Amino acid sequence: FTVATLAVGAFRKISRAVSQAIVNGVETFRQYEFAMSKVKAISGATDLEFQKLEQSAQALGRSTFFTATEVANLQINFSKLGFTATETLNAQEAALLTATATGEDLARTATVIGSTLRGFGLDASQAGRVADVMAASFTSSALDIEKFQTAKVAPVAKILGLSLEDTTATLGVLTDSGIEASIAGTSLRNIFLKLGDPSSDLAKSIGFTVNSGEEMVTQFKRMAAEGVNVEKMLEIVDVRQVAAISTMLLVVLHVYLIFFQTD
């Protein structure tokens, strides 16, 4: 009787475990199917393109740390940013590598890489470049994916002619100095706009508008050598940008030389 009772108890435990595994499997499959249906709807992919996206999601789900559903969510976020199926396939490897290296959520990483590409007007084939810059800056400064996303400086930097590397290095300088990402982003956007506006006091103090990272570094180096004090800074930027530009004057050149090896 005791043996029979133990056998029945064990059978019930096994049955419950099997039932739960089936439920979990069905739920996982349901989530994946739902995610892929959203990919098809948002991306506007043809049947052949969607087949490639689906095969890619399944293959990456088997061969990487991430599940097929997580890869599908990556594809959703790229599609929301207007990426075609081909562009998504070209960019998703960079997002996977970045998310793995930084331990960040895959879908969010895709959003940040995608919006950065769009903000700087870069082709999807440049996703690897964006991923490399993000990984390098996140491991060499106080910058992380949340601060990088919060700053939102890419569109203004592109207008001014600053590269992805230039902008990320400058943002890293500001976050290293303890300036919050939202404040750093706002300050940086305003400083970039003033550098490119010939009517601004900052551009007038330089003598011309700045249209590249090299020019910015050159002029900040000159200003730092001349010893720009707070009173002078208040004449060329708003009070809210004083902390940002003073930090940039002091250390931005050093970061460019050491971190990005700028000539």
Protein backbone atom coordinates (compact mmCIF):
# COMPACT_ATOMS: atom_id res chain seq x y z
CA PHE A 1 0.00 0.00 0.00
CA THR A 2 2.83 2.36 0.89
CA VAL A 3 4.65 1.58 -2.37
CA ALA A 4 1.44 2.11 -4.33
CA THR A 5 0.77 5.42 -2.56
CA LEU A 6 4.28 6.68 -3.31
CA ALA A 7 3.93 5.60 -6.93
CA VAL A 8 0.62 7.45 -7.29
CA GLY A 9 2.11 10.57 -5.69
CA ALA A 10 5.10 10.46 -7.99
CA PHE A 11 2.85 9.96 -11.01
CA ARG A 12 0.75 12.97 -10.04
CA LYS A 13 3.87 15.16 -9.66
CA ILE A 14 5.16 14.03 -13.04
CA SER A 15 1.75 14.65 -14.59
CA ARG A 16 1.59 18.15 -13.16
CA ALA A 17 5.13 18.89 -14.37
CA VAL A 18 4.34 17.61 -17.86
CA SER A 19 1.08 19.56 -17.95
CA GLN A 20 2.84 22.76 -16.85
CA ALA A 21 5.55 22.23 -19.44
CA ILE A 22 2.90 21.86 -22.13
CA VAL A 23 1.12 25.01 -20.93
CA ASN A 24 4.38 26.93 -20.89
CA GLY A 25 5.26 25.68 -24.34
CA VAL A 26 1.89 26.67 -25.75
CA GLU A 27 2.13 30.12 -24.14
CA THR A 28 5.65 30.64 -25.50
CA PHE A 29 4.52 29.63 -28.98
CA ARG A 30 1.49 31.93 -28.69
CA GLN A 31 3.68 34.88 -27.73
CA TYR A 32 6.05 34.16 -30.60
CA GLU A 33 3.22 33.87 -33.14
CA PHE A 34 1.67 37.11 -31.88
CA ALA A 35 5.01 38.92 -32.10
CA MET A 36 5.64 37.69 -35.65
CA SER A 37 2.15 38.74 -36.72
CA LYS A 38 3.00 42.24 -35.49
CA VAL A 39 6.27 42.13 -37.44
CA LYS A 40 4.37 41.32 -40.62
CA ALA A 41 1.77 44.00 -40.03
CA ILE A 42 4.18 46.79 -39.09
CA SER A 43 7.02 46.02 -41.50
CA GLY A 44 4.81 45.64 -44.56
CA ALA A 45 7.10 42.82 -45.67
CA THR A 46 6.21 40.69 -48.65
CA ASP A 47 5.58 36.99 -48.09
CA LEU A 48 9.16 36.18 -49.10
CA GLU A 49 10.62 38.93 -46.90
CA PHE A 50 8.51 37.85 -43.95
CA GLN A 51 9.65 34.27 -44.43
CA LYS A 52 13.26 35.46 -44.15
CA LEU A 53 12.47 37.43 -40.99
CA GLU A 54 10.72 34.47 -39.42
CA GLN A 55 13.47 32.03 -40.33
CA SER A 56 16.01 34.46 -38.92
CA ALA A 57 14.11 34.82 -35.64
CA GLN A 58 13.87 31.06 -35.23
CA ALA A 59 17.53 30.48 -36.11
CA LEU A 60 18.75 33.17 -33.72
CA GLY A 61 16.42 31.86 -31.03
CA ARG A 62 18.16 28.49 -31.30
CA SER A 63 21.73 29.75 -31.62
CA THR A 64 21.92 32.78 -29.30
CA PHE A 65 21.22 33.73 -25.72
CA PHE A 66 17.91 35.29 -26.77
CA THR A 67 14.62 33.58 -27.55
CA ALA A 68 12.87 33.71 -30.90
CA THR A 69 10.19 35.92 -29.32
CA GLU A 70 12.82 38.41 -28.17
CA VAL A 71 14.28 38.50 -31.67
CA ALA A 72 10.77 39.06 -33.03
CA ASN A 73 10.36 42.02 -30.65
CA LEU A 74 13.67 43.38 -31.97
CA GLN A 75 12.26 43.15 -35.48
CA ILE A 76 9.09 44.94 -34.35
CA ASN A 77 11.06 47.87 -32.96
CA PHE A 78 13.18 48.21 -36.09
CA SER A 79 10.02 48.10 -38.18
CA LYS A 80 8.41 50.83 -36.07
CA LEU A 81 11.35 53.07 -36.97
CA GLY A 82 10.63 52.53 -40.66
CA PHE A 83 13.27 49.88 -41.34
CA THR A 84 12.52 47.63 -44.28
CA ALA A 85 12.78 43.87 -43.90
CA THR A 86 16.20 43.93 -45.54
CA GLU A 87 17.42 46.75 -43.30
CA THR A 88 16.18 44.88 -40.22
CA LEU A 89 18.04 41.75 -41.26
CA ASN A 90 21.19 43.83 -41.81
CA ALA A 91 20.95 45.61 -38.45
CA GLN A 92 19.74 42.92 -36.08
CA GLU A 93 23.11 41.19 -35.61
CA ALA A 94 24.60 44.42 -34.28
CA ALA A 95 21.73 44.75 -31.82
CA LEU A 96 22.18 41.17 -30.67
CA LEU A 97 25.90 41.64 -30.08
CA THR A 98 25.39 44.92 -28.24
CA ALA A 99 22.63 43.58 -26.01
CA THR A 100 24.75 40.53 -25.19
CA ALA A 101 27.81 42.64 -24.37
CA THR A 102 25.94 45.20 -22.26
CA GLY A 103 23.32 42.92 -20.72
CA GLU A 104 20.54 45.25 -21.90
CA ASP A 105 17.08 44.34 -23.16
CA LEU A 106 17.26 43.30 -26.81
CA ALA A 107 14.19 45.21 -28.00
CA ARG A 108 15.35 48.41 -26.31
CA THR A 109 18.82 48.02 -27.76
CA ALA A 110 17.30 47.72 -31.21
CA THR A 111 15.32 50.91 -30.64
CA VAL A 112 18.41 52.85 -29.55
CA ILE A 113 20.55 51.59 -32.45
CA GLY A 114 17.74 52.20 -34.93
CA SER A 115 16.97 55.72 -33.71
CA THR A 116 20.69 56.55 -33.69
CA LEU A 117 21.03 55.40 -37.29
CA ARG A 118 18.02 57.47 -38.26
CA GLY A 119 19.15 60.47 -36.22
CA PHE A 120 22.55 60.61 -37.91
CA GLY A 121 21.14 59.72 -41.31
CA LEU A 122 23.16 56.52 -41.51
CA ASP A 123 22.34 53.45 -43.56
CA ALA A 124 21.27 50.26 -41.79
CA SER A 125 24.55 48.69 -42.90
CA GLN A 126 26.24 51.09 -40.41
CA ALA A 127 24.55 49.37 -37.46
CA GLY A 128 27.81 47.64 -36.59
CA ARG A 129 29.53 51.01 -36.35
CA VAL A 130 26.82 52.30 -33.99
CA ALA A 131 27.09 49.14 -31.90
CA ASP A 132 30.89 49.48 -31.65
CA VAL A 133 30.68 53.12 -30.53
CA MET A 134 27.99 52.30 -27.97
CA ALA A 135 29.94 49.36 -26.56
CA ALA A 136 33.18 51.38 -26.39
CA SER A 137 31.55 54.37 -24.70
CA PHE A 138 29.53 52.28 -22.25
CA THR A 139 32.65 50.47 -21.05
CA SER A 140 34.91 53.56 -20.95
CA SER A 141 32.66 56.20 -19.40
CA ALA A 142 29.64 56.66 -17.14
CA LEU A 143 27.46 56.55 -20.23
CA ASP A 144 24.98 53.68 -20.53
CA ILE A 145 22.09 52.83 -22.84
CA GLU A 146 19.53 54.73 -20.76
CA LYS A 147 21.62 57.91 -20.65
CA PHE A 148 22.52 57.53 -24.32
CA GLN A 149 18.85 57.23 -25.25
CA THR A 150 17.74 60.03 -22.93
CA ALA A 151 20.20 62.58 -24.36
CA LYS A 152 18.59 62.62 -27.84
CA VAL A 153 21.27 64.74 -29.50
CA ALA A 154 21.69 62.90 -32.82
CA PRO A 155 19.44 65.07 -35.06
CA VAL A 156 21.06 68.34 -33.94
CA ALA A 157 24.55 66.85 -34.15
CA LYS A 158 23.85 65.72 -37.71
CA ILE A 159 22.72 69.23 -38.71
CA LEU A 160 25.93 70.66 -37.27
CA GLY A 161 28.03 68.08 -39.10
CA LEU A 162 29.28 66.25 -36.00
CA SER A 163 29.85 62.53 -36.36
CA LEU A 164 28.46 59.77 -34.19
CA GLU A 165 31.88 59.34 -32.57
CA ASP A 166 32.27 63.07 -31.88
CA THR A 167 28.85 63.34 -30.29
CA THR A 168 29.16 60.21 -28.19
CA ALA A 169 32.58 61.24 -26.89
CA THR A 170 31.25 64.65 -25.87
CA LEU A 171 28.22 63.10 -24.18
CA GLY A 172 30.51 60.73 -22.31
CA VAL A 173 32.52 63.69 -21.04
CA LEU A 174 29.41 65.31 -19.61
CA THR A 175 28.09 62.16 -17.94
CA ASP A 176 31.52 61.46 -16.44
CA SER A 177 31.37 64.87 -14.80
CA GLY A 178 28.13 63.94 -13.05
CA ILE A 179 25.72 65.90 -15.25
CA GLU A 180 22.41 64.05 -15.61
CA ALA A 181 21.67 62.61 -19.04
CA SER A 182 18.58 64.73 -19.70
CA ILE A 183 20.40 67.93 -18.68
CA ALA A 184 23.51 66.90 -20.61
CA GLY A 185 21.41 66.19 -23.69
CA THR A 186 19.54 69.48 -23.48
CA SER A 187 22.74 71.45 -22.87
CA LEU A 188 24.55 69.67 -25.66
CA ARG A 189 21.72 70.26 -28.13
CA ASN A 190 21.67 73.96 -27.28
CA ILE A 191 25.45 74.29 -27.50
CA PHE A 192 25.48 72.48 -30.85
CA LEU A 193 22.74 74.79 -32.14
CA LYS A 194 24.64 77.87 -30.96
CA LEU A 195 27.84 76.62 -32.59
CA GLY A 196 26.03 76.36 -35.90
CA ASP A 197 24.07 79.61 -35.59
CA PRO A 198 26.05 82.60 -36.96
CA SER A 199 23.87 85.01 -34.97
CA SER A 200 24.56 83.34 -31.59
CA ASP A 201 26.97 84.87 -29.09
CA LEU A 202 28.94 81.61 -28.98
CA ALA A 203 29.53 81.56 -32.74
CA LYS A 204 30.35 85.28 -32.71
CA SER A 205 32.92 84.76 -29.95
CA ILE A 206 34.60 82.10 -32.09
CA GLY A 207 34.34 84.17 -35.25
CA PHE A 208 32.52 81.63 -37.40
CA THR A 209 30.12 78.69 -37.18
CA VAL A 210 31.48 75.26 -36.29
CA ASN A 211 30.60 72.45 -38.71
CA SER A 212 32.61 69.44 -37.53
CA GLY A 213 33.92 67.73 -34.44
CA GLU A 214 37.49 68.69 -35.31
CA GLU A 215 36.56 72.36 -35.49
CA MET A 216 34.73 72.11 -32.16
CA VAL A 217 37.75 70.55 -30.46
CA THR A 218 40.07 73.14 -31.99
CA GLN A 219 37.97 76.06 -30.83
CA PHE A 220 37.35 74.62 -27.36
CA LYS A 221 41.07 74.07 -26.99
CA ARG A 222 41.70 77.70 -27.94
CA MET A 223 39.02 78.98 -25.55
CA ALA A 224 40.40 76.87 -22.71
CA ALA A 225 43.92 78.19 -23.36
CA GLU A 226 42.62 81.76 -23.26
CA GLY A 227 41.06 81.10 -19.88
CA VAL A 228 37.32 81.60 -20.33
CA ASN A 229 35.81 82.44 -16.92
CA VAL A 230 32.22 82.14 -15.74
CA GLU A 231 31.45 85.75 -16.61
CA LYS A 232 32.63 85.19 -20.17
CA MET A 233 30.70 81.93 -20.42
CA LEU A 234 27.50 83.68 -19.39
CA GLU A 235 28.03 86.05 -22.28
CA ILE A 236 28.18 83.27 -24.85
CA VAL A 237 25.76 80.61 -23.50
CA ASP A 238 22.71 80.44 -21.27
CA VAL A 239 23.23 79.88 -17.57
CA ARG A 240 21.92 76.32 -17.92
CA GLN A 241 24.70 75.46 -20.38
CA VAL A 242 27.58 76.88 -18.31
CA ALA A 243 28.32 73.61 -16.51
CA ALA A 244 28.24 71.65 -19.75
CA ILE A 245 30.46 73.93 -21.80
CA SER A 246 32.95 74.44 -18.96
CA THR A 247 33.30 70.66 -18.66
CA MET A 248 33.70 70.34 -22.40
CA LEU A 249 36.38 73.02 -22.45
CA LEU A 250 38.36 71.29 -19.74
CA VAL A 251 38.37 67.68 -20.84
CA VAL A 252 36.80 67.10 -24.25
CA LEU A 253 40.12 67.34 -26.09
CA HIS A 254 41.70 64.79 -23.76
CA VAL A 255 38.89 62.34 -24.40
CA TYR A 256 39.17 62.73 -28.16
CA LEU A 257 42.91 62.13 -28.11
CA ILE A 258 42.91 59.18 -25.75
CA PHE A 259 39.56 57.50 -26.34
CA PHE A 260 38.99 58.05 -30.06
CA GLN A 261 42.63 58.69 -31.04
CA THR A 262 41.77 61.82 -32.98
CA ASP A 263 44.73 63.38 -34.77
